[in-house]
Structure formats: C-alpha cells, structure tokens
Amino acid sequence: MKAMYRIKKNEDFAFTVKHGTVKKNFSYVTHTKTNDLGYVRVGISVSSRLGCAVVRNRIKRQIRAMVRELVDFTTGSRDIVIVAKSDFKNHSFEENKKLLAQLIA
C-alpha cells in the first residue's frame, strides 16, 4: 500500500471508529466511513493482547497483503479501519483473507 492510502493520524482513526459503520466476524472488526478525498484509505490496528511486537508486525504485514489484493484504492471514497481480533491467529492466511473479503465487500 502506498503511504497516501494509509490512515496514519490518531484523529482519523478515532473519527472513523466513532462515526463509521461497524462489521464484525471472528477475526476482524471493521469500521467504514466515507471521506472527501476521492480514494480509499486503510488503517490497521493490532492490540498488544495478540502478542509481542514481532507477532503484531507480522499480523499487520499479512493484513496489508490481503488488503492489496482485495481493495481497489482508486475507486470509491472511504476510510476503513481494520482491527484484528485474537481469533486471527487460529486461522490460516487464506481463511483470514476470505473473512476480510466478506467484511470489506
């Protein structure tokens, strides 16, 4: 993902979480809110309850790889915050990708 397609500021995360629509499943919680930018931005949040920094960074890399395949950043205008849940570690990469595709679609 290019840097312009990422949500980086805490204010943007908080605004999307507070005012966005929520969808949940076993591995993820997604918050979606429309924006005025003309492209899609994605933010990823992984709690420290999922493991040490190495584990959390691996989960974020996996989610970024999934998002690259699932999201067309140039069409649409929305912010998506993806929060990984503890059940993420119990599923394979492909299962997690299918679960994420259901929430983003």
PDB file of N, CA and C in Angstrom:
ATOM      1  N   MET A   1       0.841  -1.176   0.000  1.00  0.00           N
ATOM      2  CA  MET A   1       0.000   0.000   0.000  1.00  0.00           C
ATOM      3  C   MET A   1       0.887   1.241   0.000  1.00  0.00           C
ATOM      4  N   LYS A   2       0.542   2.186  -0.821  1.00  0.00           N
ATOM      5  CA  LYS A   2       1.258   3.452  -0.817  1.00  0.00           C
ATOM      6  C   LYS A   2       0.892   4.224   0.450  1.00  0.00           C
ATOM      7  N   ALA A   3       1.758   5.133   0.829  1.00  0.00           N
ATOM      8  CA  ALA A   3       1.555   5.901   2.052  1.00  0.00           C
ATOM      9  C   ALA A   3       0.293   6.748   2.002  1.00  0.00           C
ATOM     10  N   MET A   4      -0.076   7.224   0.817  1.00  0.00           N
ATOM     11  CA  MET A   4      -1.270   8.073   0.724  1.00  0.00           C
ATOM     12  C   MET A   4      -2.552   7.272   0.957  1.00  0.00           C
ATOM     13  N   TYR A   5      -2.493   5.958   0.845  1.00  0.00           N
ATOM     14  CA  TYR A   5      -3.668   5.114   1.047  1.00  0.00           C
ATOM     15  C   TYR A   5      -3.762   4.560   2.469  1.00  0.00           C
ATOM     16  N   ARG A   6      -2.933   5.050   3.363  1.00  0.00           N
ATOM     17  CA  ARG A   6      -2.956   4.606   4.759  1.00  0.00           C
ATOM     18  C   ARG A   6      -3.508   5.701   5.658  1.00  0.00           C
ATOM     19  N   ILE A   7      -4.220   5.289   6.675  1.00  0.00           N
ATOM     20  CA  ILE A   7      -4.646   6.217   7.723  1.00  0.00           C
ATOM     21  C   ILE A   7      -3.537   6.198   8.768  1.00  0.00           C
ATOM     22  N   LYS A   8      -2.964   7.353   9.053  1.00  0.00           N
ATOM     23  CA  LYS A   8      -1.840   7.419   9.965  1.00  0.00           C
ATOM     24  C   LYS A   8      -2.145   8.213  11.231  1.00  0.00           C
ATOM     25  N   LYS A   9      -2.953   9.244  11.110  1.00  0.00           N
ATOM     26  CA  LYS A   9      -3.202  10.111  12.257  1.00  0.00           C
ATOM     27  C   LYS A   9      -4.209   9.487  13.214  1.00  0.00           C
ATOM     28  N   ASN A  10      -3.940   9.655  14.483  1.00  0.00           N
ATOM     29  CA  ASN A  10      -4.829   9.129  15.505  1.00  0.00           C
ATOM     30  C   ASN A  10      -6.223   9.753  15.398  1.00  0.00           C
ATOM     31  N   GLU A  11      -6.303  11.025  15.008  1.00  0.00           N
ATOM     32  CA  GLU A  11      -7.602  11.689  14.874  1.00  0.00           C
ATOM     33  C   GLU A  11      -8.442  11.022  13.787  1.00  0.00           C
ATOM     34  N   ASP A  12      -7.801  10.638  12.693  1.00  0.00           N
ATOM     35  CA  ASP A  12      -8.521   9.967  11.604  1.00  0.00           C
ATOM     36  C   ASP A  12      -9.014   8.590  12.037  1.00  0.00           C
ATOM     37  N   PHE A  13      -8.168   7.857  12.767  1.00  0.00           N
ATOM     38  CA  PHE A  13      -8.598   6.565  13.309  1.00  0.00           C
ATOM     39  C   PHE A  13      -9.811   6.756  14.222  1.00  0.00           C
ATOM     40  N   ALA A  14      -9.688   7.695  15.159  1.00  0.00           N
ATOM     41  CA  ALA A  14     -10.749   7.902  16.147  1.00  0.00           C
ATOM     42  C   ALA A  14     -12.046   8.350  15.486  1.00  0.00           C
ATOM     43  N   PHE A  15     -11.955   9.229  14.500  1.00  0.00           N
ATOM     44  CA  PHE A  15     -13.157   9.715  13.812  1.00  0.00           C
ATOM     45  C   PHE A  15     -13.846   8.580  13.063  1.00  0.00           C
ATOM     46  N   THR A  16     -13.066   7.744  12.390  1.00  0.00           N
ATOM     47  CA  THR A  16     -13.636   6.626  11.644  1.00  0.00           C
ATOM     48  C   THR A  16     -14.271   5.610  12.583  1.00  0.00           C
ATOM     49  N   VAL A  17     -13.622   5.337  13.693  1.00  0.00           N
ATOM     50  CA  VAL A  17     -14.168   4.370  14.654  1.00  0.00           C
ATOM     51  C   VAL A  17     -15.439   4.910  15.302  1.00  0.00           C
ATOM     52  N   LYS A  18     -15.440   6.191  15.619  1.00  0.00           N
ATOM     53  CA  LYS A  18     -16.590   6.767  16.320  1.00  0.00           C
ATOM     54  C   LYS A  18     -17.800   6.948  15.407  1.00  0.00           C
ATOM     55  N   HIS A  19     -17.590   7.376  14.164  1.00  0.00           N
ATOM     56  CA  HIS A  19     -18.704   7.732  13.284  1.00  0.00           C
ATOM     57  C   HIS A  19     -18.959   6.722  12.167  1.00  0.00           C
ATOM     58  N   GLY A  20     -18.126   5.720  12.036  1.00  0.00           N
ATOM     59  CA  GLY A  20     -18.267   4.776  10.934  1.00  0.00           C
ATOM     60  C   GLY A  20     -19.210   3.629  11.249  1.00  0.00           C
ATOM     61  N   THR A  21     -19.552   2.869  10.221  1.00  0.00           N
ATOM     62  CA  THR A  21     -20.373   1.681  10.402  1.00  0.00           C
ATOM     63  C   THR A  21     -19.469   0.508  10.767  1.00  0.00           C
ATOM     64  N   VAL A  22     -19.980  -0.369  11.609  1.00  0.00           N
ATOM     65  CA  VAL A  22     -19.189  -1.462  12.155  1.00  0.00           C
ATOM     66  C   VAL A  22     -19.672  -2.793  11.588  1.00  0.00           C
ATOM     67  N   LYS A  23     -18.702  -3.636  11.199  1.00  0.00           N
ATOM     68  CA  LYS A  23     -18.984  -5.016  10.814  1.00  0.00           C
ATOM     69  C   LYS A  23     -17.992  -5.902  11.566  1.00  0.00           C
ATOM     70  N   LYS A  24     -18.474  -7.062  12.018  1.00  0.00           N
ATOM     71  CA  LYS A  24     -17.629  -7.942  12.825  1.00  0.00           C
ATOM     72  C   LYS A  24     -17.727  -9.369  12.336  1.00  0.00           C
ATOM     73  N   ASN A  25     -16.659 -10.115  12.559  1.00  0.00           N
ATOM     74  CA  ASN A  25     -16.677 -11.564  12.452  1.00  0.00           C
ATOM     75  C   ASN A  25     -15.653 -12.113  13.436  1.00  0.00           C
ATOM     76  N   PHE A  26     -15.260 -13.359  13.281  1.00  0.00           N
ATOM     77  CA  PHE A  26     -14.383 -13.986  14.270  1.00  0.00           C
ATOM     78  C   PHE A  26     -12.990 -13.373  14.321  1.00  0.00           C
ATOM     79  N   SER A  27     -12.473 -12.925  13.191  1.00  0.00           N
ATOM     80  CA  SER A  27     -11.090 -12.463  13.134  1.00  0.00           C
ATOM     81  C   SER A  27     -10.917 -10.951  13.098  1.00  0.00           C
ATOM     82  N   TYR A  28     -11.971 -10.215  12.712  1.00  0.00           N
ATOM     83  CA  TYR A  28     -11.824  -8.775  12.486  1.00  0.00           C
ATOM     84  C   TYR A  28     -13.018  -7.983  13.004  1.00  0.00           C
ATOM     85  N   VAL A  29     -12.757  -6.697  13.221  1.00  0.00           N
ATOM     86  CA  VAL A  29     -13.787  -5.676  13.348  1.00  0.00           C
ATOM     87  C   VAL A  29     -13.405  -4.599  12.344  1.00  0.00           C
ATOM     88  N   THR A  30     -14.333  -4.205  11.467  1.00  0.00           N
ATOM     89  CA  THR A  30     -14.036  -3.136  10.518  1.00  0.00           C
ATOM     90  C   THR A  30     -14.962  -1.959  10.768  1.00  0.00           C
ATOM     91  N   HIS A  31     -14.400  -0.781  10.669  1.00  0.00           N
ATOM     92  CA  HIS A  31     -15.143   0.475  10.775  1.00  0.00           C
ATOM     93  C   HIS A  31     -14.976   1.185   9.435  1.00  0.00           C
ATOM     94  N   THR A  32     -16.090   1.570   8.809  1.00  0.00           N
ATOM     95  CA  THR A  32     -16.044   2.190   7.489  1.00  0.00           C
ATOM     96  C   THR A  32     -16.768   3.529   7.531  1.00  0.00           C
ATOM     97  N   LYS A  33     -16.131   4.544   6.966  1.00  0.00           N
ATOM     98  CA  LYS A  33     -16.705   5.895   6.911  1.00  0.00           C
ATOM     99  C   LYS A  33     -16.335   6.523   5.577  1.00  0.00           C
ATOM    100  N   THR A  34     -17.277   7.207   4.943  1.00  0.00           N
ATOM    101  CA  THR A  34     -16.968   7.882   3.682  1.00  0.00           C
ATOM    102  C   THR A  34     -16.067   9.089   3.949  1.00  0.00           C
ATOM    103  N   ASN A  35     -15.246   9.424   2.949  1.00  0.00           N
ATOM    104  CA  ASN A  35     -14.377  10.594   3.057  1.00  0.00           C
ATOM    105  C   ASN A  35     -14.531  11.454   1.802  1.00  0.00           C
ATOM    106  N   ASP A  36     -13.880  12.600   1.785  1.00  0.00           N
ATOM    107  CA  ASP A  36     -13.968  13.534   0.665  1.00  0.00           C
ATOM    108  C   ASP A  36     -12.693  13.536  -0.192  1.00  0.00           C
ATOM    109  N   LEU A  37     -11.863  12.538  -0.051  1.00  0.00           N
ATOM    110  CA  LEU A  37     -10.563  12.542  -0.707  1.00  0.00           C
ATOM    111  C   LEU A  37     -10.589  11.990  -2.123  1.00  0.00           C
ATOM    112  N   GLY A  38     -11.562  11.154  -2.444  1.00  0.00           N
ATOM    113  CA  GLY A  38     -11.630  10.584  -3.775  1.00  0.00           C
ATOM    114  C   GLY A  38     -10.902   9.259  -3.921  1.00  0.00           C
ATOM    115  N   TYR A  39     -10.361   8.737  -2.841  1.00  0.00           N
ATOM    116  CA  TYR A  39      -9.711   7.439  -2.861  1.00  0.00           C
ATOM    117  C   TYR A  39      -9.917   6.758  -1.511  1.00  0.00           C
ATOM    118  N   VAL A  40      -9.594   5.481  -1.455  1.00  0.00           N
ATOM    119  CA  VAL A  40      -9.792   4.678  -0.249  1.00  0.00           C
ATOM    120  C   VAL A  40      -8.527   4.721   0.596  1.00  0.00           C
ATOM    121  N   ARG A  41      -8.714   4.906   1.911  1.00  0.00           N
ATOM    122  CA  ARG A  41      -7.603   4.828   2.856  1.00  0.00           C
ATOM    123  C   ARG A  41      -7.887   3.694   3.840  1.00  0.00           C
ATOM    124  N   VAL A  42      -6.847   3.006   4.240  1.00  0.00           N
ATOM    125  CA  VAL A  42      -6.988   1.871   5.152  1.00  0.00           C
ATOM    126  C   VAL A  42      -6.059   2.065   6.341  1.00  0.00           C
ATOM    127  N   GLY A  43      -6.598   1.803   7.535  1.00  0.00           N
ATOM    128  CA  GLY A  43      -5.804   1.802   8.758  1.00  0.00           C
ATOM    129  C   GLY A  43      -5.911   0.443   9.420  1.00  0.00           C
ATOM    130  N   ILE A  44      -4.814  -0.036   9.979  1.00  0.00           N
ATOM    131  CA  ILE A  44      -4.781  -1.355  10.599  1.00  0.00           C
ATOM    132  C   ILE A  44      -4.380  -1.195  12.058  1.00  0.00           C
ATOM    133  N   SER A  45      -5.135  -1.845  12.926  1.00  0.00           N
ATOM    134  CA  SER A  45      -4.862  -1.796  14.356  1.00  0.00           C
ATOM    135  C   SER A  45      -4.769  -3.217  14.898  1.00  0.00           C
ATOM    136  N   VAL A  46      -3.671  -3.494  15.621  1.00  0.00           N
ATOM    137  CA  VAL A  46      -3.479  -4.796  16.238  1.00  0.00           C
ATOM    138  C   VAL A  46      -3.143  -4.560  17.706  1.00  0.00           C
ATOM    139  N   SER A  47      -3.942  -5.115  18.584  1.00  0.00           N
ATOM    140  CA  SER A  47      -3.784  -4.915  20.014  1.00  0.00           C
ATOM    141  C   SER A  47      -2.563  -5.652  20.549  1.00  0.00           C
ATOM    142  N   SER A  48      -2.011  -5.132  21.626  1.00  0.00           N
ATOM    143  CA  SER A  48      -0.871  -5.794  22.254  1.00  0.00           C
ATOM    144  C   SER A  48      -1.275  -7.106  22.910  1.00  0.00           C
ATOM    145  N   ARG A  49      -2.557  -7.345  23.055  1.00  0.00           N
ATOM    146  CA  ARG A  49      -3.028  -8.619  23.604  1.00  0.00           C
ATOM    147  C   ARG A  49      -2.770  -9.789  22.647  1.00  0.00           C
ATOM    148  N   LEU A  50      -2.518  -9.495  21.379  1.00  0.00           N
ATOM    149  CA  LEU A  50      -2.272 -10.557  20.403  1.00  0.00           C
ATOM    150  C   LEU A  50      -0.843 -11.086  20.444  1.00  0.00           C
ATOM    151  N   GLY A  51       0.043 -10.362  21.079  1.00  0.00           N
ATOM    152  CA  GLY A  51       1.414 -10.855  21.181  1.00  0.00           C
ATOM    153  C   GLY A  51       2.422  -9.734  21.252  1.00  0.00           C
ATOM    154  N   CYS A  52       3.692 -10.115  21.198  1.00  0.00           N
ATOM    155  CA  CYS A  52       4.764  -9.134  21.253  1.00  0.00           C
ATOM    156  C   CYS A  52       4.838  -8.365  19.936  1.00  0.00           C
ATOM    157  N   ALA A  53       5.745  -7.425  19.841  1.00  0.00           N
ATOM    158  CA  ALA A  53       5.852  -6.557  18.674  1.00  0.00           C
ATOM    159  C   ALA A  53       6.106  -7.339  17.390  1.00  0.00           C
ATOM    160  N   VAL A  54       6.878  -8.405  17.485  1.00  0.00           N
ATOM    161  CA  VAL A  54       7.185  -9.213  16.304  1.00  0.00           C
ATOM    162  C   VAL A  54       5.910  -9.841  15.748  1.00  0.00           C
ATOM    163  N   VAL A  55       5.089 -10.376  16.628  1.00  0.00           N
ATOM    164  CA  VAL A  55       3.836 -11.017  16.216  1.00  0.00           C
ATOM    165  C   VAL A  55       2.866  -9.984  15.654  1.00  0.00           C
ATOM    166  N   ARG A  56       2.746  -8.846  16.325  1.00  0.00           N
ATOM    167  CA  ARG A  56       1.829  -7.798  15.854  1.00  0.00           C
ATOM    168  C   ARG A  56       2.246  -7.273  14.483  1.00  0.00           C
ATOM    169  N   ASN A  57       3.539  -7.087  14.265  1.00  0.00           N
ATOM    170  CA  ASN A  57       4.011  -6.606  12.962  1.00  0.00           C
ATOM    171  C   ASN A  57       3.784  -7.640  11.873  1.00  0.00           C
ATOM    172  N   ARG A  58       3.928  -8.929  12.198  1.00  0.00           N
ATOM    173  CA  ARG A  58       3.652  -9.982  11.217  1.00  0.00           C
ATOM    174  C   ARG A  58       2.174  -9.972  10.832  1.00  0.00           C
ATOM    175  N   ILE A  59       1.296  -9.791  11.812  1.00  0.00           N
ATOM    176  CA  ILE A  59      -0.144  -9.726  11.538  1.00  0.00           C
ATOM    177  C   ILE A  59      -0.456  -8.528  10.651  1.00  0.00           C
ATOM    178  N   LYS A  60       0.153  -7.380  10.941  1.00  0.00           N
ATOM    179  CA  LYS A  60      -0.081  -6.190  10.114  1.00  0.00           C
ATOM    180  C   LYS A  60       0.407  -6.389   8.688  1.00  0.00           C
ATOM    181  N   ARG A  61       1.553  -7.026   8.510  1.00  0.00           N
ATOM    182  CA  ARG A  61       2.049  -7.310   7.161  1.00  0.00           C
ATOM    183  C   ARG A  61       1.094  -8.233   6.411  1.00  0.00           C
ATOM    184  N   GLN A  62       0.565  -9.232   7.093  1.00  0.00           N
ATOM    185  CA  GLN A  62      -0.386 -10.140   6.453  1.00  0.00           C
ATOM    186  C   GLN A  62      -1.660  -9.413   6.049  1.00  0.00           C
ATOM    187  N   ILE A  63      -2.173  -8.559   6.925  1.00  0.00           N
ATOM    188  CA  ILE A  63      -3.398  -7.816   6.606  1.00  0.00           C
ATOM    189  C   ILE A  63      -3.148  -6.861   5.448  1.00  0.00           C
ATOM    190  N   ARG A  64      -1.979  -6.189   5.412  1.00  0.00           N
ATOM    191  CA  ARG A  64      -1.656  -5.309   4.292  1.00  0.00           C
ATOM    192  C   ARG A  64      -1.619  -6.072   2.977  1.00  0.00           C
ATOM    193  N   ALA A  65      -1.063  -7.284   2.992  1.00  0.00           N
ATOM    194  CA  ALA A  65      -1.022  -8.106   1.784  1.00  0.00           C
ATOM    195  C   ALA A  65      -2.437  -8.476   1.335  1.00  0.00           C
ATOM    196  N   MET A  66      -3.303  -8.782   2.275  1.00  0.00           N
ATOM    197  CA  MET A  66      -4.696  -9.103   1.944  1.00  0.00           C
ATOM    198  C   MET A  66      -5.404  -7.894   1.352  1.00  0.00           C
ATOM    199  N   VAL A  67      -5.199  -6.747   1.960  1.00  0.00           N
ATOM    200  CA  VAL A  67      -5.864  -5.517   1.518  1.00  0.00           C
ATOM    201  C   VAL A  67      -5.411  -5.148   0.112  1.00  0.00           C
ATOM    202  N   ARG A  68      -4.123  -5.317  -0.204  1.00  0.00           N
ATOM    203  CA  ARG A  68      -3.626  -5.020  -1.550  1.00  0.00           C
ATOM    204  C   ARG A  68      -4.374  -5.800  -2.614  1.00  0.00           C
ATOM    205  N   GLU A  69      -4.735  -7.049  -2.296  1.00  0.00           N
ATOM    206  CA  GLU A  69      -5.439  -7.886  -3.257  1.00  0.00           C
ATOM    207  C   GLU A  69      -6.947  -7.620  -3.288  1.00  0.00           C
ATOM    208  N   LEU A  70      -7.515  -7.181  -2.177  1.00  0.00           N
ATOM    209  CA  LEU A  70      -8.973  -7.077  -2.064  1.00  0.00           C
ATOM    210  C   LEU A  70      -9.533  -5.695  -2.381  1.00  0.00           C
ATOM    211  N   VAL A  71      -8.757  -4.645  -2.180  1.00  0.00           N
ATOM    212  CA  VAL A  71      -9.285  -3.281  -2.275  1.00  0.00           C
ATOM    213  C   VAL A  71      -8.729  -2.584  -3.512  1.00  0.00           C
ATOM    214  N   ASP A  72      -9.629  -1.931  -4.264  1.00  0.00           N
ATOM    215  CA  ASP A  72      -9.217  -1.050  -5.348  1.00  0.00           C
ATOM    216  C   ASP A  72      -9.209   0.366  -4.775  1.00  0.00           C
ATOM    217  N   PHE A  73      -8.024   0.915  -4.575  1.00  0.00           N
ATOM    218  CA  PHE A  73      -7.885   2.181  -3.872  1.00  0.00           C
ATOM    219  C   PHE A  73      -8.368   3.380  -4.676  1.00  0.00           C
ATOM    220  N   THR A  74      -8.406   3.279  -5.986  1.00  0.00           N
ATOM    221  CA  THR A  74      -8.745   4.434  -6.806  1.00  0.00           C
ATOM    222  C   THR A  74     -10.244   4.607  -6.992  1.00  0.00           C
ATOM    223  N   THR A  75     -11.022   3.558  -6.806  1.00  0.00           N
ATOM    224  CA  THR A  75     -12.470   3.690  -6.925  1.00  0.00           C
ATOM    225  C   THR A  75     -13.081   3.726  -5.536  1.00  0.00           C
ATOM    226  N   GLY A  76     -13.980   4.636  -5.345  1.00  0.00           N
ATOM    227  CA  GLY A  76     -14.606   4.799  -4.040  1.00  0.00           C
ATOM    228  C   GLY A  76     -13.945   5.908  -3.269  1.00  0.00           C
ATOM    229  N   SER A  77     -14.565   6.239  -2.187  1.00  0.00           N
ATOM    230  CA  SER A  77     -14.069   7.319  -1.349  1.00  0.00           C
ATOM    231  C   SER A  77     -14.467   7.010   0.091  1.00  0.00           C
ATOM    232  N   ARG A  78     -13.641   6.218   0.767  1.00  0.00           N
ATOM    233  CA  ARG A  78     -13.972   5.844   2.132  1.00  0.00           C
ATOM    234  C   ARG A  78     -12.718   5.546   2.934  1.00  0.00           C
ATOM    235  N   ASP A  79     -12.875   5.600   4.237  1.00  0.00           N
ATOM    236  CA  ASP A  79     -11.822   5.211   5.167  1.00  0.00           C
ATOM    237  C   ASP A  79     -12.233   3.893   5.805  1.00  0.00           C
ATOM    238  N   ILE A  80     -11.292   2.966   5.904  1.00  0.00           N
ATOM    239  CA  ILE A  80     -11.553   1.669   6.507  1.00  0.00           C
ATOM    240  C   ILE A  80     -10.521   1.446   7.606  1.00  0.00           C
ATOM    241  N   VAL A  81     -11.002   1.164   8.813  1.00  0.00           N
ATOM    242  CA  VAL A  81     -10.122   0.786   9.910  1.00  0.00           C
ATOM    243  C   VAL A  81     -10.363  -0.689  10.186  1.00  0.00           C
ATOM    244  N   ILE A  82      -9.304  -1.478  10.127  1.00  0.00           N
ATOM    245  CA  ILE A  82      -9.376  -2.921  10.356  1.00  0.00           C
ATOM    246  C   ILE A  82      -8.705  -3.216  11.684  1.00  0.00           C
ATOM    247  N   VAL A  83      -9.449  -3.837  12.583  1.00  0.00           N
ATOM    248  CA  VAL A  83      -8.928  -4.214  13.890  1.00  0.00           C
ATOM    249  C   VAL A  83      -8.860  -5.740  13.946  1.00  0.00           C
ATOM    250  N   ALA A  84      -7.677  -6.272  14.183  1.00  0.00           N
ATOM    251  CA  ALA A  84      -7.510  -7.720  14.272  1.00  0.00           C
ATOM    252  C   ALA A  84      -7.915  -8.193  15.663  1.00  0.00           C
ATOM    253  N   LYS A  85      -8.656  -9.291  15.699  1.00  0.00           N
ATOM    254  CA  LYS A  85      -9.078  -9.875  16.965  1.00  0.00           C
ATOM    255  C   LYS A  85      -8.215 -11.092  17.292  1.00  0.00           C
ATOM    256  N   SER A  86      -8.343 -11.599  18.488  1.00  0.00           N
ATOM    257  CA  SER A  86      -7.479 -12.684  18.954  1.00  0.00           C
ATOM    258  C   SER A  86      -7.664 -13.972  18.154  1.00  0.00           C
ATOM    259  N   ASP A  87      -8.822 -14.177  17.553  1.00  0.00           N
ATOM    260  CA  ASP A  87      -9.068 -15.389  16.778  1.00  0.00           C
ATOM    261  C   ASP A  87      -8.325 -15.375  15.437  1.00  0.00           C
ATOM    262  N   PHE A  88      -7.722 -14.259  15.081  1.00  0.00           N
ATOM    263  CA  PHE A  88      -6.946 -14.152  13.838  1.00  0.00           C
ATOM    264  C   PHE A  88      -5.864 -15.218  13.782  1.00  0.00           C
ATOM    265  N   LYS A  89      -5.206 -15.476  14.899  1.00  0.00           N
ATOM    266  CA  LYS A  89      -4.080 -16.407  14.935  1.00  0.00           C
ATOM    267  C   LYS A  89      -4.517 -17.861  14.778  1.00  0.00           C
ATOM    268  N   ASN A  90      -5.804 -18.145  14.955  1.00  0.00           N
ATOM    269  CA  ASN A  90      -6.287 -19.527  14.868  1.00  0.00           C
ATOM    270  C   ASN A  90      -6.639 -19.955  13.457  1.00  0.00           C
ATOM    271  N   HIS A  91      -6.598 -19.033  12.502  1.00  0.00           N
ATOM    272  CA  HIS A  91      -6.967 -19.335  11.124  1.00  0.00           C
ATOM    273  C   HIS A  91      -5.764 -19.185  10.204  1.00  0.00           C
ATOM    274  N   SER A  92      -5.830 -19.830   9.052  1.00  0.00           N
ATOM    275  CA  SER A  92      -4.766 -19.711   8.064  1.00  0.00           C
ATOM    276  C   SER A  92      -4.890 -18.379   7.322  1.00  0.00           C
ATOM    277  N   PHE A  93      -3.873 -18.074   6.524  1.00  0.00           N
ATOM    278  CA  PHE A  93      -3.874 -16.835   5.747  1.00  0.00           C
ATOM    279  C   PHE A  93      -5.079 -16.786   4.811  1.00  0.00           C
ATOM    280  N   GLU A  94      -5.355 -17.867   4.117  1.00  0.00           N
ATOM    281  CA  GLU A  94      -6.471 -17.904   3.159  1.00  0.00           C
ATOM    282  C   GLU A  94      -7.823 -17.758   3.851  1.00  0.00           C
ATOM    283  N   GLU A  95      -8.004 -18.400   5.007  1.00  0.00           N
ATOM    284  CA  GLU A  95      -9.256 -18.264   5.748  1.00  0.00           C
ATOM    285  C   GLU A  95      -9.448 -16.830   6.213  1.00  0.00           C
ATOM    286  N   ASN A  96      -8.377 -16.218   6.731  1.00  0.00           N
ATOM    287  CA  ASN A  96      -8.458 -14.826   7.173  1.00  0.00           C
ATOM    288  C   ASN A  96      -8.750 -13.893   6.004  1.00  0.00           C
ATOM    289  N   LYS A  97      -8.180 -14.201   4.853  1.00  0.00           N
ATOM    290  CA  LYS A  97      -8.435 -13.383   3.656  1.00  0.00           C
ATOM    291  C   LYS A  97      -9.902 -13.451   3.255  1.00  0.00           C
ATOM    292  N   LYS A  98     -10.505 -14.639   3.301  1.00  0.00           N
ATOM    293  CA  LYS A  98     -11.923 -14.787   2.975  1.00  0.00           C
ATOM    294  C   LYS A  98     -12.793 -14.037   3.965  1.00  0.00           C
ATOM    295  N   LEU A  99     -12.452 -14.115   5.250  1.00  0.00           N
ATOM    296  CA  LEU A  99     -13.216 -13.397   6.269  1.00  0.00           C
ATOM    297  C   LEU A  99     -13.128 -11.882   6.072  1.00  0.00           C
ATOM    298  N   LEU A 100     -11.946 -11.398   5.717  1.00  0.00           N
ATOM    299  CA  LEU A 100     -11.779  -9.968   5.467  1.00  0.00           C
ATOM    300  C   LEU A 100     -12.542  -9.538   4.213  1.00  0.00           C
ATOM    301  N   ALA A 101     -12.538 -10.371   3.187  1.00  0.00           N
ATOM    302  CA  ALA A 101     -13.251 -10.041   1.961  1.00  0.00           C
ATOM    303  C   ALA A 101     -14.748  -9.908   2.212  1.00  0.00           C
ATOM    304  N   GLN A 102     -15.296 -10.713   3.109  1.00  0.00           N
ATOM    305  CA  GLN A 102     -16.713 -10.614   3.432  1.00  0.00           C
ATOM    306  C   GLN A 102     -17.037  -9.279   4.089  1.00  0.00           C
ATOM    307  N   LEU A 103     -16.149  -8.776   4.932  1.00  0.00           N
ATOM    308  CA  LEU A 103     -16.411  -7.526   5.636  1.00  0.00           C
ATOM    309  C   LEU A 103     -16.192  -6.299   4.752  1.00  0.00           C
ATOM    310  N   ILE A 104     -15.218  -6.353   3.881  1.00  0.00           N
ATOM    311  CA  ILE A 104     -14.907  -5.180   3.048  1.00  0.00           C
ATOM    312  C   ILE A 104     -15.876  -5.040   1.890  1.00  0.00           C
ATOM    313  N   ALA A 105     -16.389  -6.147   1.385  1.00  0.00           N
ATOM    314  CA  ALA A 105     -17.263  -6.105   0.207  1.00  0.00           C
ATOM    315  C   ALA A 105     -18.507  -5.287   0.417  1.00  0.00           C
TER     316      ALA A 105
END
